[in-house]
Amino acid sequence: MPSSAPSGRGVPPRGPHRTEGPVDFLREHREEVLATLSQKDLLPRLLLQDSGRRLPLPDGSVQLVVTSPPYPYIERWDGLFERALGWPGGTLARDPTRLEAIHRSLTRTWKECERLLQPGGMLCINIGDATRTVGGEFRLFPNHVHVVEACERLGFRSLVPILWKKPTNKPNSFLGSGFAPPNAYVTLDCENILIFRKGPRRRLPPHDLLREASQFSKAERDRWFTQVWEVRGAPQRDGTAAFPEEVPRRLVRMFSLLGDTVLDPFAGSGSTLRVAHRLGRRAIGVESDRARGEQLRAALPDRPPELSKVLDDLIRGYGPGRPA
C-alpha cells in the first residue's frame, strides 16, 4: 500500500506547532499508530545483485533512498571500477580521463532509483570528491558535479545539499608549496550529501496519522536542516563505504515517515538498513558483492521491527537530558 494513502482515521486536526517532537501525539494516539503500522509490510530485504540492473521491486514502491556509493578515483575503489568496466588493473592510477565513464555506470543505479521512487520521493546520495596525483599531476575529481548532472538529466529536482564536515584530531594540513603562494592546495575535508526529489512535493492527506507521529522537534529541525553537518566519520573496513549511523538516522527522520520504505542500493556495511529498521521503516538493501552480501544478510534483522519498541524509543529519545 503506498504510504501516500490516508494512514489513519479519526485523528483530530493538528493544534499549534509542537516544538518538542512526537511525544504528546504518540502518547495520545499510540494504539492508532500501532494499528496502522501493523498493516504495512515492514519485513527487511537484501538483494544480492548489481543495483544498476532492474531490481525485483514495483515502480513507485520506495519513499526514500539513502546511500553512499563507491567514490570514483579514490584509490581503494580502483579495483572495483576496473573490474566492473573491464579495464586493466592500474588504469585509474595512470589515466585521469575515465571519470565520465565511471559515472555513466553509476547513473544506471540513479535511473533505477528514479523508477522505484514514488512521486515526491527523496534521493539522498553521500558522495565525496577525490584529490589525487594521476599521470604525474595533482588534481581534483569532482564526483558530486557528475552525480548532480546525471540526476538532473533523469528528471530529479535538486534541493540544497548538505556539506558533511568530518571533525578530525589531526592538525590542519595542506599540500603544495608550504607557506608561499601560489602552489598550495585547499584541504578536502567535506563530503557532499546531495538531496534530490522526484517531481513536486509528496502529497499527503491532511492530519496524516503517520506524518504526525514522525515529526521532529524544533531543536532537531534547526540542527538537521542547516547546510553544514559536523559528524565524525566511521572506520572504513572490508571494502565498504561505511558512514556513521548518525548520517542516515538524520536523513531517514528528515525525509520519511514511520512505515515508509527506505532503499540503499549500495548497502555495504548496512548502516542505512539498520537505522531504517530501528526507526520503523521497511529497509531494503542491494549488494553486488555476494560474499559481503551474505555476511550482511546474516547480521541484519530477519523480521519486521518491533513496533512497540520503535514508538517507545521515539518517546524515550525526547526524555530529560536528551541533547538538542
C-alpha atoms as a PDB file:
ATOM      1  CA  MET A   1       0.000   0.000   0.000  1.00  0.00           C
ATOM      2  CA  PRO A   2       1.566   3.350  -0.965  1.00  0.00           C
ATOM      3  CA  SER A   3       2.216   5.416   2.102  1.00  0.00           C
ATOM      4  CA  SER A   4       0.717   8.470   0.411  1.00  0.00           C
ATOM      5  CA  ALA A   5      -2.723   6.921   1.003  1.00  0.00           C
ATOM      6  CA  PRO A   6      -4.631   8.020   4.099  1.00  0.00           C
ATOM      7  CA  SER A   7      -2.980   6.295   7.046  1.00  0.00           C
ATOM      8  CA  GLY A   8      -5.467   6.838   9.831  1.00  0.00           C
ATOM      9  CA  ARG A   9      -8.985   7.952  10.644  1.00  0.00           C
ATOM     10  CA  GLY A  10     -10.419   9.980  13.451  1.00  0.00           C
ATOM     11  CA  VAL A  11      -7.264  11.971  14.122  1.00  0.00           C
ATOM     12  CA  PRO A  12      -8.164  15.468  15.360  1.00  0.00           C
ATOM     13  CA  PRO A  13      -6.830  18.468  13.466  1.00  0.00           C
ATOM     14  CA  ARG A  14      -3.317  19.388  14.486  1.00  0.00           C
ATOM     15  CA  GLY A  15      -3.142  22.146  17.044  1.00  0.00           C
ATOM     16  CA  PRO A  16      -0.320  24.657  17.487  1.00  0.00           C
ATOM     17  CA  HIS A  17       3.027  23.508  16.130  1.00  0.00           C
ATOM     18  CA  ARG A  18       4.665  21.103  18.552  1.00  0.00           C
ATOM     19  CA  THR A  19       8.253  22.060  19.216  1.00  0.00           C
ATOM     20  CA  GLU A  20       9.244  19.018  21.280  1.00  0.00           C
ATOM     21  CA  GLY A  21       8.829  16.206  18.798  1.00  0.00           C
ATOM     22  CA  PRO A  22       6.139  13.495  18.593  1.00  0.00           C
ATOM     23  CA  VAL A  23       5.887  12.566  22.282  1.00  0.00           C
ATOM     24  CA  ASP A  24       2.493  14.067  23.082  1.00  0.00           C
ATOM     25  CA  PHE A  25       0.972  12.816  19.842  1.00  0.00           C
ATOM     26  CA  LEU A  26       2.313   9.296  20.312  1.00  0.00           C
ATOM     27  CA  ARG A  27       1.062   9.108  23.872  1.00  0.00           C
ATOM     28  CA  GLU A  28      -2.408  10.199  22.783  1.00  0.00           C
ATOM     29  CA  HIS A  29      -2.648   8.117  19.586  1.00  0.00           C
ATOM     30  CA  ARG A  30      -0.309   5.235  20.291  1.00  0.00           C
ATOM     31  CA  GLU A  31      -2.813   2.447  19.587  1.00  0.00           C
ATOM     32  CA  GLU A  32      -3.948   4.033  16.319  1.00  0.00           C
ATOM     33  CA  VAL A  33      -0.350   4.396  15.181  1.00  0.00           C
ATOM     34  CA  LEU A  34       0.444   0.777  16.104  1.00  0.00           C
ATOM     35  CA  ALA A  35      -2.660  -0.487  14.301  1.00  0.00           C
ATOM     36  CA  THR A  36      -1.786   1.435  11.155  1.00  0.00           C
ATOM     37  CA  LEU A  37       1.859   0.373  11.141  1.00  0.00           C
ATOM     38  CA  SER A  38       0.919  -3.268  11.730  1.00  0.00           C
ATOM     39  CA  GLN A  39      -0.901  -3.288   8.373  1.00  0.00           C
ATOM     40  CA  LYS A  40       2.297  -2.442   6.481  1.00  0.00           C
ATOM     41  CA  ASP A  41       4.886  -4.854   5.144  1.00  0.00           C
ATOM     42  CA  LEU A  42       7.996  -3.858   7.105  1.00  0.00           C
ATOM     43  CA  LEU A  43      10.000  -7.056   6.555  1.00  0.00           C
ATOM     44  CA  PRO A  44      13.595  -6.052   5.686  1.00  0.00           C
ATOM     45  CA  ARG A  45      15.038  -7.363   2.439  1.00  0.00           C
ATOM     46  CA  LEU A  46      18.514  -7.664   0.942  1.00  0.00           C
ATOM     47  CA  LEU A  47      19.008  -8.198  -2.800  1.00  0.00           C
ATOM     48  CA  LEU A  48      22.312  -9.678  -3.984  1.00  0.00           C
ATOM     49  CA  GLN A  49      22.736  -8.106  -7.408  1.00  0.00           C
ATOM     50  CA  ASP A  50      24.033  -5.076  -9.279  1.00  0.00           C
ATOM     51  CA  SER A  51      21.831  -2.097  -8.385  1.00  0.00           C
ATOM     52  CA  GLY A  52      22.274  -0.750 -11.905  1.00  0.00           C
ATOM     53  CA  ARG A  53      20.141  -3.618 -13.231  1.00  0.00           C
ATOM     54  CA  ARG A  54      16.387  -3.789 -12.832  1.00  0.00           C
ATOM     55  CA  LEU A  55      15.503  -4.695  -9.263  1.00  0.00           C
ATOM     56  CA  PRO A  56      12.564  -7.022  -8.450  1.00  0.00           C
ATOM     57  CA  LEU A  57      10.568  -4.191  -6.892  1.00  0.00           C
ATOM     58  CA  PRO A  58       7.466  -2.402  -8.233  1.00  0.00           C
ATOM     59  CA  ASP A  59       7.551   1.095  -9.716  1.00  0.00           C
ATOM     60  CA  GLY A  60       6.898   3.785  -7.120  1.00  0.00           C
ATOM     61  CA  SER A  61       7.279   1.417  -4.154  1.00  0.00           C
ATOM     62  CA  VAL A  62      10.019   3.378  -2.342  1.00  0.00           C
ATOM     63  CA  GLN A  63       9.681   6.673  -0.479  1.00  0.00           C
ATOM     64  CA  LEU A  64      13.338   7.384   0.327  1.00  0.00           C
ATOM     65  CA  VAL A  65      16.766   6.360  -0.966  1.00  0.00           C
ATOM     66  CA  VAL A  66      19.759   6.913   1.331  1.00  0.00           C
ATOM     67  CA  THR A  67      23.094   5.670   0.027  1.00  0.00           C
ATOM     68  CA  SER A  68      26.833   6.168  -0.198  1.00  0.00           C
ATOM     69  CA  PRO A  69      28.298   4.662  -3.389  1.00  0.00           C
ATOM     70  CA  PRO A  70      31.969   3.935  -4.048  1.00  0.00           C
ATOM     71  CA  TYR A  71      33.741   7.204  -4.847  1.00  0.00           C
ATOM     72  CA  PRO A  72      35.424   7.303  -8.280  1.00  0.00           C
ATOM     73  CA  TYR A  73      39.181   7.977  -8.218  1.00  0.00           C
ATOM     74  CA  ILE A  74      39.505   7.157  -4.547  1.00  0.00           C
ATOM     75  CA  GLU A  75      42.358   4.644  -4.673  1.00  0.00           C
ATOM     76  CA  ARG A  76      40.666   1.994  -2.539  1.00  0.00           C
ATOM     77  CA  TRP A  77      37.875   1.735  -5.137  1.00  0.00           C
ATOM     78  CA  ASP A  78      40.101   1.473  -8.235  1.00  0.00           C
ATOM     79  CA  GLY A  79      39.937  -2.297  -8.472  1.00  0.00           C
ATOM     80  CA  LEU A  80      36.149  -2.375  -8.122  1.00  0.00           C
ATOM     81  CA  PHE A  81      35.601   0.020 -11.016  1.00  0.00           C
ATOM     82  CA  GLU A  82      38.327  -1.516 -13.163  1.00  0.00           C
ATOM     83  CA  ARG A  83      36.811  -4.985 -12.812  1.00  0.00           C
ATOM     84  CA  ALA A  84      33.248  -3.754 -13.360  1.00  0.00           C
ATOM     85  CA  LEU A  85      34.186  -1.849 -16.518  1.00  0.00           C
ATOM     86  CA  GLY A  86      36.652  -4.374 -17.898  1.00  0.00           C
ATOM     87  CA  TRP A  87      39.759  -2.186 -17.596  1.00  0.00           C
ATOM     88  CA  PRO A  88      43.267  -3.500 -16.879  1.00  0.00           C
ATOM     89  CA  GLY A  89      44.467  -3.190 -13.298  1.00  0.00           C
ATOM     90  CA  GLY A  90      46.200   0.112 -12.622  1.00  0.00           C
ATOM     91  CA  THR A  91      44.221   2.018 -15.273  1.00  0.00           C
ATOM     92  CA  LEU A  92      42.894   4.646 -12.877  1.00  0.00           C
ATOM     93  CA  ALA A  93      46.308   5.261 -11.302  1.00  0.00           C
ATOM     94  CA  ARG A  94      47.632   6.227 -14.737  1.00  0.00           C
ATOM     95  CA  ASP A  95      44.691   7.677 -16.643  1.00  0.00           C
ATOM     96  CA  PRO A  96      42.737  10.732 -15.360  1.00  0.00           C
ATOM     97  CA  THR A  97      40.207  10.659 -18.232  1.00  0.00           C
ATOM     98  CA  ARG A  98      37.944   7.837 -17.027  1.00  0.00           C
ATOM     99  CA  LEU A  99      35.721   9.831 -14.660  1.00  0.00           C
ATOM    100  CA  GLU A 100      32.784  10.234 -17.047  1.00  0.00           C
ATOM    101  CA  ALA A 101      32.772   6.529 -17.910  1.00  0.00           C
ATOM    102  CA  ILE A 102      32.664   5.571 -14.236  1.00  0.00           C
ATOM    103  CA  HIS A 103      29.810   7.965 -13.565  1.00  0.00           C
ATOM    104  CA  ARG A 104      27.872   6.574 -16.517  1.00  0.00           C
ATOM    105  CA  SER A 105      27.984   3.213 -14.737  1.00  0.00           C
ATOM    106  CA  LEU A 106      26.726   4.797 -11.500  1.00  0.00           C
ATOM    107  CA  THR A 107      23.968   6.600 -13.396  1.00  0.00           C
ATOM    108  CA  ARG A 108      22.316   3.259 -14.138  1.00  0.00           C
ATOM    109  CA  THR A 109      21.663   2.978 -10.399  1.00  0.00           C
ATOM    110  CA  TRP A 110      20.286   6.531 -10.170  1.00  0.00           C
ATOM    111  CA  LYS A 111      17.960   5.689 -13.078  1.00  0.00           C
ATOM    112  CA  GLU A 112      16.680   2.613 -11.249  1.00  0.00           C
ATOM    113  CA  CYS A 113      16.129   4.740  -8.130  1.00  0.00           C
ATOM    114  CA  GLU A 114      14.040   7.129 -10.208  1.00  0.00           C
ATOM    115  CA  ARG A 115      11.815   4.233 -11.310  1.00  0.00           C
ATOM    116  CA  LEU A 116      11.379   2.911  -7.787  1.00  0.00           C
ATOM    117  CA  LEU A 117      10.696   6.197  -6.006  1.00  0.00           C
ATOM    118  CA  GLN A 118       7.103   7.316  -5.714  1.00  0.00           C
ATOM    119  CA  PRO A 119       6.263  10.852  -6.888  1.00  0.00           C
ATOM    120  CA  GLY A 120       7.672  13.239  -4.313  1.00  0.00           C
ATOM    121  CA  GLY A 121      10.110  10.597  -3.032  1.00  0.00           C
ATOM    122  CA  MET A 122      13.575  11.662  -1.956  1.00  0.00           C
ATOM    123  CA  LEU A 123      17.034  10.579  -3.085  1.00  0.00           C
ATOM    124  CA  CYS A 124      19.962  11.306  -0.737  1.00  0.00           C
ATOM    125  CA  ILE A 125      23.457  10.467  -2.015  1.00  0.00           C
ATOM    126  CA  ASN A 126      26.548  10.847   0.139  1.00  0.00           C
ATOM    127  CA  ILE A 127      29.446  11.287  -2.308  1.00  0.00           C
ATOM    128  CA  GLY A 128      32.965  12.556  -1.773  1.00  0.00           C
ATOM    129  CA  ASP A 129      35.154  14.263  -4.323  1.00  0.00           C
ATOM    130  CA  ALA A 130      38.677  12.919  -4.817  1.00  0.00           C
ATOM    131  CA  THR A 131      42.089  14.583  -4.788  1.00  0.00           C
ATOM    132  CA  ARG A 132      44.902  12.569  -6.224  1.00  0.00           C
ATOM    133  CA  THR A 133      48.038  12.611  -8.325  1.00  0.00           C
ATOM    134  CA  VAL A 134      47.322  10.745 -11.559  1.00  0.00           C
ATOM    135  CA  GLY A 135      49.649  10.743 -14.526  1.00  0.00           C
ATOM    136  CA  GLY A 136      52.109  12.896 -12.578  1.00  0.00           C
ATOM    137  CA  GLU A 137      49.632  15.726 -11.882  1.00  0.00           C
ATOM    138  CA  PHE A 138      47.720  16.509  -8.691  1.00  0.00           C
ATOM    139  CA  ARG A 139      44.071  17.367  -9.343  1.00  0.00           C
ATOM    140  CA  LEU A 140      40.506  17.269  -8.080  1.00  0.00           C
ATOM    141  CA  PHE A 141      37.984  14.766  -9.422  1.00  0.00           C
ATOM    142  CA  PRO A 142      34.597  16.478  -8.763  1.00  0.00           C
ATOM    143  CA  ASN A 143      32.364  13.470  -8.242  1.00  0.00           C
ATOM    144  CA  HIS A 144      29.453  15.437  -6.823  1.00  0.00           C
ATOM    145  CA  VAL A 145      29.200  17.535 -10.003  1.00  0.00           C
ATOM    146  CA  HIS A 146      28.776  14.442 -12.162  1.00  0.00           C
ATOM    147  CA  VAL A 147      26.123  12.996  -9.844  1.00  0.00           C
ATOM    148  CA  VAL A 148      24.127  16.242  -9.866  1.00  0.00           C
ATOM    149  CA  GLU A 149      24.264  16.480 -13.653  1.00  0.00           C
ATOM    150  CA  ALA A 150      23.230  12.833 -14.076  1.00  0.00           C
ATOM    151  CA  CYS A 151      20.309  13.050 -11.632  1.00  0.00           C
ATOM    152  CA  GLU A 152      19.004  16.254 -13.155  1.00  0.00           C
ATOM    153  CA  ARG A 153      19.115  14.664 -16.623  1.00  0.00           C
ATOM    154  CA  LEU A 154      16.968  11.861 -15.180  1.00  0.00           C
ATOM    155  CA  GLY A 155      14.401  14.431 -14.079  1.00  0.00           C
ATOM    156  CA  PHE A 156      15.225  14.723 -10.391  1.00  0.00           C
ATOM    157  CA  ARG A 157      14.899  18.163  -8.825  1.00  0.00           C
ATOM    158  CA  SER A 158      17.972  19.294  -6.928  1.00  0.00           C
ATOM    159  CA  LEU A 159      17.473  20.624  -3.420  1.00  0.00           C
ATOM    160  CA  VAL A 160      20.031  22.343  -1.183  1.00  0.00           C
ATOM    161  CA  PRO A 161      22.828  19.846  -0.442  1.00  0.00           C
ATOM    162  CA  ILE A 162      24.494  19.237   2.898  1.00  0.00           C
ATOM    163  CA  LEU A 163      28.218  19.694   3.367  1.00  0.00           C
ATOM    164  CA  TRP A 164      29.387  16.992   5.734  1.00  0.00           C
ATOM    165  CA  LYS A 165      32.498  18.245   7.506  1.00  0.00           C
ATOM    166  CA  LYS A 166      34.229  15.417   9.329  1.00  0.00           C
ATOM    167  CA  PRO A 167      35.856  16.557  12.586  1.00  0.00           C
ATOM    168  CA  THR A 168      39.392  15.258  12.977  1.00  0.00           C
ATOM    169  CA  ASN A 169      42.042  15.205  15.665  1.00  0.00           C
ATOM    170  CA  LYS A 170      44.755  15.871  13.095  1.00  0.00           C
ATOM    171  CA  PRO A 171      46.174  19.385  12.775  1.00  0.00           C
ATOM    172  CA  ASN A 172      45.233  21.286   9.638  1.00  0.00           C
ATOM    173  CA  SER A 173      47.240  20.006   6.704  1.00  0.00           C
ATOM    174  CA  PHE A 174      47.959  21.331   3.266  1.00  0.00           C
ATOM    175  CA  LEU A 175      49.691  20.236   0.089  1.00  0.00           C
ATOM    176  CA  GLY A 176      51.987  22.063  -2.261  1.00  0.00           C
ATOM    177  CA  SER A 177      54.340  24.952  -1.713  1.00  0.00           C
ATOM    178  CA  GLY A 178      54.277  25.344   2.060  1.00  0.00           C
ATOM    179  CA  PHE A 179      53.779  28.935   3.298  1.00  0.00           C
ATOM    180  CA  ALA A 180      54.470  30.704  -0.005  1.00  0.00           C
ATOM    181  CA  PRO A 181      51.950  31.207  -2.835  1.00  0.00           C
ATOM    182  CA  PRO A 182      50.806  30.174  -5.345  1.00  0.00           C
ATOM    183  CA  ASN A 183      51.031  26.362  -5.392  1.00  0.00           C
ATOM    184  CA  ALA A 184      49.434  25.147  -2.151  1.00  0.00           C
ATOM    185  CA  TYR A 185      46.122  23.315  -2.261  1.00  0.00           C
ATOM    186  CA  VAL A 186      42.996  23.617  -0.127  1.00  0.00           C
ATOM    187  CA  THR A 187      42.434  20.590   2.099  1.00  0.00           C
ATOM    188  CA  LEU A 188      39.477  18.444   1.062  1.00  0.00           C
ATOM    189  CA  ASP A 189      37.684  17.915   4.373  1.00  0.00           C
ATOM    190  CA  CYS A 190      33.995  17.899   3.384  1.00  0.00           C
ATOM    191  CA  GLU A 191      31.816  15.373   1.606  1.00  0.00           C
ATOM    192  CA  ASN A 192      28.549  16.146  -0.132  1.00  0.00           C
ATOM    193  CA  ILE A 193      25.153  14.803   0.838  1.00  0.00           C
ATOM    194  CA  LEU A 194      23.199  15.536  -2.320  1.00  0.00           C
ATOM    195  CA  ILE A 195      19.426  15.776  -1.940  1.00  0.00           C
ATOM    196  CA  PHE A 196      17.003  15.285  -4.822  1.00  0.00           C
ATOM    197  CA  ARG A 197      13.246  14.976  -5.108  1.00  0.00           C
ATOM    198  CA  LYS A 198      11.293  13.094  -7.749  1.00  0.00           C
ATOM    199  CA  GLY A 199       8.950  15.746  -9.098  1.00  0.00           C
ATOM    200  CA  PRO A 200       6.792  18.013  -6.915  1.00  0.00           C
ATOM    201  CA  ARG A 201       6.448  17.660  -3.168  1.00  0.00           C
ATOM    202  CA  ARG A 202       4.941  14.437  -1.872  1.00  0.00           C
ATOM    203  CA  ARG A 203       1.218  14.707  -1.341  1.00  0.00           C
ATOM    204  CA  LEU A 204      -0.243  13.505   1.944  1.00  0.00           C
ATOM    205  CA  PRO A 205      -3.774  13.768   3.312  1.00  0.00           C
ATOM    206  CA  PRO A 206      -4.443  16.419   5.964  1.00  0.00           C
ATOM    207  CA  HIS A 207      -3.571  15.337   9.516  1.00  0.00           C
ATOM    208  CA  ASP A 208      -1.945  12.127   8.262  1.00  0.00           C
ATOM    209  CA  LEU A 209      -1.530   9.855  11.274  1.00  0.00           C
ATOM    210  CA  LEU A 210       1.966   8.590  10.466  1.00  0.00           C
ATOM    211  CA  ARG A 211       3.193  12.024   9.484  1.00  0.00           C
ATOM    212  CA  GLU A 212       2.089  13.398  12.842  1.00  0.00           C
ATOM    213  CA  ALA A 213       3.811  10.506  14.611  1.00  0.00           C
ATOM    214  CA  SER A 214       7.042  11.075  12.639  1.00  0.00           C
ATOM    215  CA  GLN A 215       7.558  14.738  13.432  1.00  0.00           C
ATOM    216  CA  PHE A 216      10.827  16.080  14.825  1.00  0.00           C
ATOM    217  CA  SER A 217      11.466  18.777  17.377  1.00  0.00           C
ATOM    218  CA  LYS A 218      12.375  22.395  16.741  1.00  0.00           C
ATOM    219  CA  ALA A 219      15.882  21.710  18.046  1.00  0.00           C
ATOM    220  CA  GLU A 220      16.270  18.813  15.617  1.00  0.00           C
ATOM    221  CA  ARG A 221      14.907  20.853  12.740  1.00  0.00           C
ATOM    222  CA  ASP A 222      17.277  23.707  13.477  1.00  0.00           C
ATOM    223  CA  ARG A 223      20.247  21.352  13.712  1.00  0.00           C
ATOM    224  CA  TRP A 224      19.465  18.978  10.851  1.00  0.00           C
ATOM    225  CA  PHE A 225      18.260  21.453   8.245  1.00  0.00           C
ATOM    226  CA  THR A 226      21.390  23.575   8.298  1.00  0.00           C
ATOM    227  CA  GLN A 227      23.789  23.134   5.394  1.00  0.00           C
ATOM    228  CA  VAL A 228      26.940  22.142   7.303  1.00  0.00           C
ATOM    229  CA  TRP A 229      26.984  18.999   9.443  1.00  0.00           C
ATOM    230  CA  GLU A 230      29.876  18.069  11.699  1.00  0.00           C
ATOM    231  CA  VAL A 231      29.637  14.329  12.251  1.00  0.00           C
ATOM    232  CA  ARG A 232      32.678  12.177  12.886  1.00  0.00           C
ATOM    233  CA  GLY A 233      33.263   9.577  10.162  1.00  0.00           C
ATOM    234  CA  ALA A 234      33.119   5.803  10.585  1.00  0.00           C
ATOM    235  CA  PRO A 235      36.077   3.411  10.182  1.00  0.00           C
ATOM    236  CA  GLN A 236      36.412   2.103   6.621  1.00  0.00           C
ATOM    237  CA  ARG A 237      36.673  -1.691   6.642  1.00  0.00           C
ATOM    238  CA  ASP A 238      36.092  -4.653   4.348  1.00  0.00           C
ATOM    239  CA  GLY A 239      35.896  -2.619   1.157  1.00  0.00           C
ATOM    240  CA  THR A 240      32.722  -0.749   2.145  1.00  0.00           C
ATOM    241  CA  ALA A 241      31.970   2.973   2.070  1.00  0.00           C
ATOM    242  CA  ALA A 242      30.737   2.932   5.654  1.00  0.00           C
ATOM    243  CA  PHE A 243      29.274   6.090   7.072  1.00  0.00           C
ATOM    244  CA  PRO A 244      28.327   6.723  10.696  1.00  0.00           C
ATOM    245  CA  GLU A 245      24.773   5.808  11.608  1.00  0.00           C
ATOM    246  CA  GLU A 246      24.067   9.387  12.655  1.00  0.00           C
ATOM    247  CA  VAL A 247      24.033  10.414   8.986  1.00  0.00           C
ATOM    248  CA  PRO A 248      21.310   8.012   7.774  1.00  0.00           C
ATOM    249  CA  ARG A 249      19.466   8.451  11.080  1.00  0.00           C
ATOM    250  CA  ARG A 250      19.037  12.145  10.389  1.00  0.00           C
ATOM    251  CA  LEU A 251      18.139  11.628   6.741  1.00  0.00           C
ATOM    252  CA  VAL A 252      15.571   8.917   7.484  1.00  0.00           C
ATOM    253  CA  ARG A 253      13.908  11.101  10.119  1.00  0.00           C
ATOM    254  CA  MET A 254      14.022  14.190   7.884  1.00  0.00           C
ATOM    255  CA  PHE A 255      12.639  12.690   4.680  1.00  0.00           C
ATOM    256  CA  SER A 256      10.438   9.693   5.509  1.00  0.00           C
ATOM    257  CA  LEU A 257       7.524   8.650   7.693  1.00  0.00           C
ATOM    258  CA  LEU A 258       7.051   5.709  10.002  1.00  0.00           C
ATOM    259  CA  GLY A 259       6.088   2.776   7.784  1.00  0.00           C
ATOM    260  CA  ASP A 260       7.826   4.083   4.664  1.00  0.00           C
ATOM    261  CA  THR A 261      10.222   2.023   2.558  1.00  0.00           C
ATOM    262  CA  VAL A 262      13.885   3.097   2.607  1.00  0.00           C
ATOM    263  CA  LEU A 263      16.234   1.753  -0.065  1.00  0.00           C
ATOM    264  CA  ASP A 264      20.029   1.635  -0.041  1.00  0.00           C
ATOM    265  CA  PRO A 265      21.291   0.483  -3.475  1.00  0.00           C
ATOM    266  CA  PHE A 266      24.885   0.270  -2.182  1.00  0.00           C
ATOM    267  CA  ALA A 267      24.186  -1.496   1.099  1.00  0.00           C
ATOM    268  CA  GLY A 268      27.840  -2.035   2.022  1.00  0.00           C
ATOM    269  CA  SER A 269      28.156  -2.273   5.795  1.00  0.00           C
ATOM    270  CA  GLY A 270      24.371  -1.954   6.276  1.00  0.00           C
ATOM    271  CA  SER A 271      24.284   1.332   8.228  1.00  0.00           C
ATOM    272  CA  THR A 272      21.207   2.660   6.415  1.00  0.00           C
ATOM    273  CA  LEU A 273      19.373  -0.643   6.737  1.00  0.00           C
ATOM    274  CA  ARG A 274      19.961  -0.982  10.472  1.00  0.00           C
ATOM    275  CA  VAL A 275      18.882   2.605  11.109  1.00  0.00           C
ATOM    276  CA  ALA A 276      15.766   2.393   8.932  1.00  0.00           C
ATOM    277  CA  HIS A 277      14.675  -0.831  10.666  1.00  0.00           C
ATOM    278  CA  ARG A 278      15.146   0.677  14.148  1.00  0.00           C
ATOM    279  CA  LEU A 279      13.139   3.724  13.081  1.00  0.00           C
ATOM    280  CA  GLY A 280      10.110   1.694  11.982  1.00  0.00           C
ATOM    281  CA  ARG A 281      10.663   1.780   8.225  1.00  0.00           C
ATOM    282  CA  ARG A 282      10.965  -1.072   5.755  1.00  0.00           C
ATOM    283  CA  ALA A 283      14.660  -1.434   4.942  1.00  0.00           C
ATOM    284  CA  ILE A 284      15.675  -2.743   1.508  1.00  0.00           C
ATOM    285  CA  GLY A 285      19.322  -3.025   0.529  1.00  0.00           C
ATOM    286  CA  VAL A 286      21.196  -4.062  -2.601  1.00  0.00           C
ATOM    287  CA  GLU A 287      24.724  -5.503  -2.566  1.00  0.00           C
ATOM    288  CA  SER A 288      26.602  -6.671  -5.655  1.00  0.00           C
ATOM    289  CA  ASP A 289      29.423  -8.429  -3.784  1.00  0.00           C
ATOM    290  CA  ARG A 290      27.921 -11.805  -2.919  1.00  0.00           C
ATOM    291  CA  ALA A 291      30.356 -12.678  -0.121  1.00  0.00           C
ATOM    292  CA  ARG A 292      29.855  -9.329   1.586  1.00  0.00           C
ATOM    293  CA  GLY A 293      26.125  -9.553   0.976  1.00  0.00           C
ATOM    294  CA  GLU A 294      25.895 -12.943   2.689  1.00  0.00           C
ATOM    295  CA  GLN A 295      27.746 -11.540   5.707  1.00  0.00           C
ATOM    296  CA  LEU A 296      25.421  -8.556   5.794  1.00  0.00           C
ATOM    297  CA  ARG A 297      22.346 -10.740   5.470  1.00  0.00           C
ATOM    298  CA  ALA A 298      23.472 -12.806   8.458  1.00  0.00           C
ATOM    299  CA  ALA A 299      23.988  -9.643  10.526  1.00  0.00           C
ATOM    300  CA  LEU A 300      20.721  -7.871   9.672  1.00  0.00           C
ATOM    301  CA  PRO A 301      17.367  -8.456  11.384  1.00  0.00           C
ATOM    302  CA  ASP A 302      15.262 -11.120   9.648  1.00  0.00           C
ATOM    303  CA  ARG A 303      11.919  -9.900  10.946  1.00  0.00           C
ATOM    304  CA  PRO A 304       9.921  -6.658  10.890  1.00  0.00           C
ATOM    305  CA  PRO A 305      10.734  -4.050  13.530  1.00  0.00           C
ATOM    306  CA  GLU A 306       9.110  -4.481  16.926  1.00  0.00           C
ATOM    307  CA  LEU A 307       6.650  -1.616  16.609  1.00  0.00           C
ATOM    308  CA  SER A 308       6.006  -1.044  20.313  1.00  0.00           C
ATOM    309  CA  LYS A 309       9.747  -0.719  20.840  1.00  0.00           C
ATOM    310  CA  VAL A 310      10.051   1.693  17.904  1.00  0.00           C
ATOM    311  CA  LEU A 311       7.489   4.004  19.496  1.00  0.00           C
ATOM    312  CA  ASP A 312       8.955   3.569  22.972  1.00  0.00           C
ATOM    313  CA  ASP A 313      12.393   4.508  21.632  1.00  0.00           C
ATOM    314  CA  LEU A 314      10.961   7.596  19.962  1.00  0.00           C
ATOM    315  CA  ILE A 315       9.281   8.718  23.171  1.00  0.00           C
ATOM    316  CA  ARG A 316      12.330   7.873  25.269  1.00  0.00           C
ATOM    317  CA  GLY A 317      14.533   9.878  22.903  1.00  0.00           C
ATOM    318  CA  TYR A 318      12.735  13.062  23.922  1.00  0.00           C
ATOM    319  CA  GLY A 319      13.141  12.483  27.626  1.00  0.00           C
ATOM    320  CA  PRO A 320      15.002  14.658  30.156  1.00  0.00           C
ATOM    321  CA  GLY A 321      18.655  15.194  29.464  1.00  0.00           C
ATOM    322  CA  ARG A 322      18.339  14.485  25.768  1.00  0.00           C
ATOM    323  CA  PRO A 323      20.915  16.502  23.788  1.00  0.00           C
ATOM    324  CA  ALA A 324      19.480  19.091  21.403  1.00  0.00           C
END
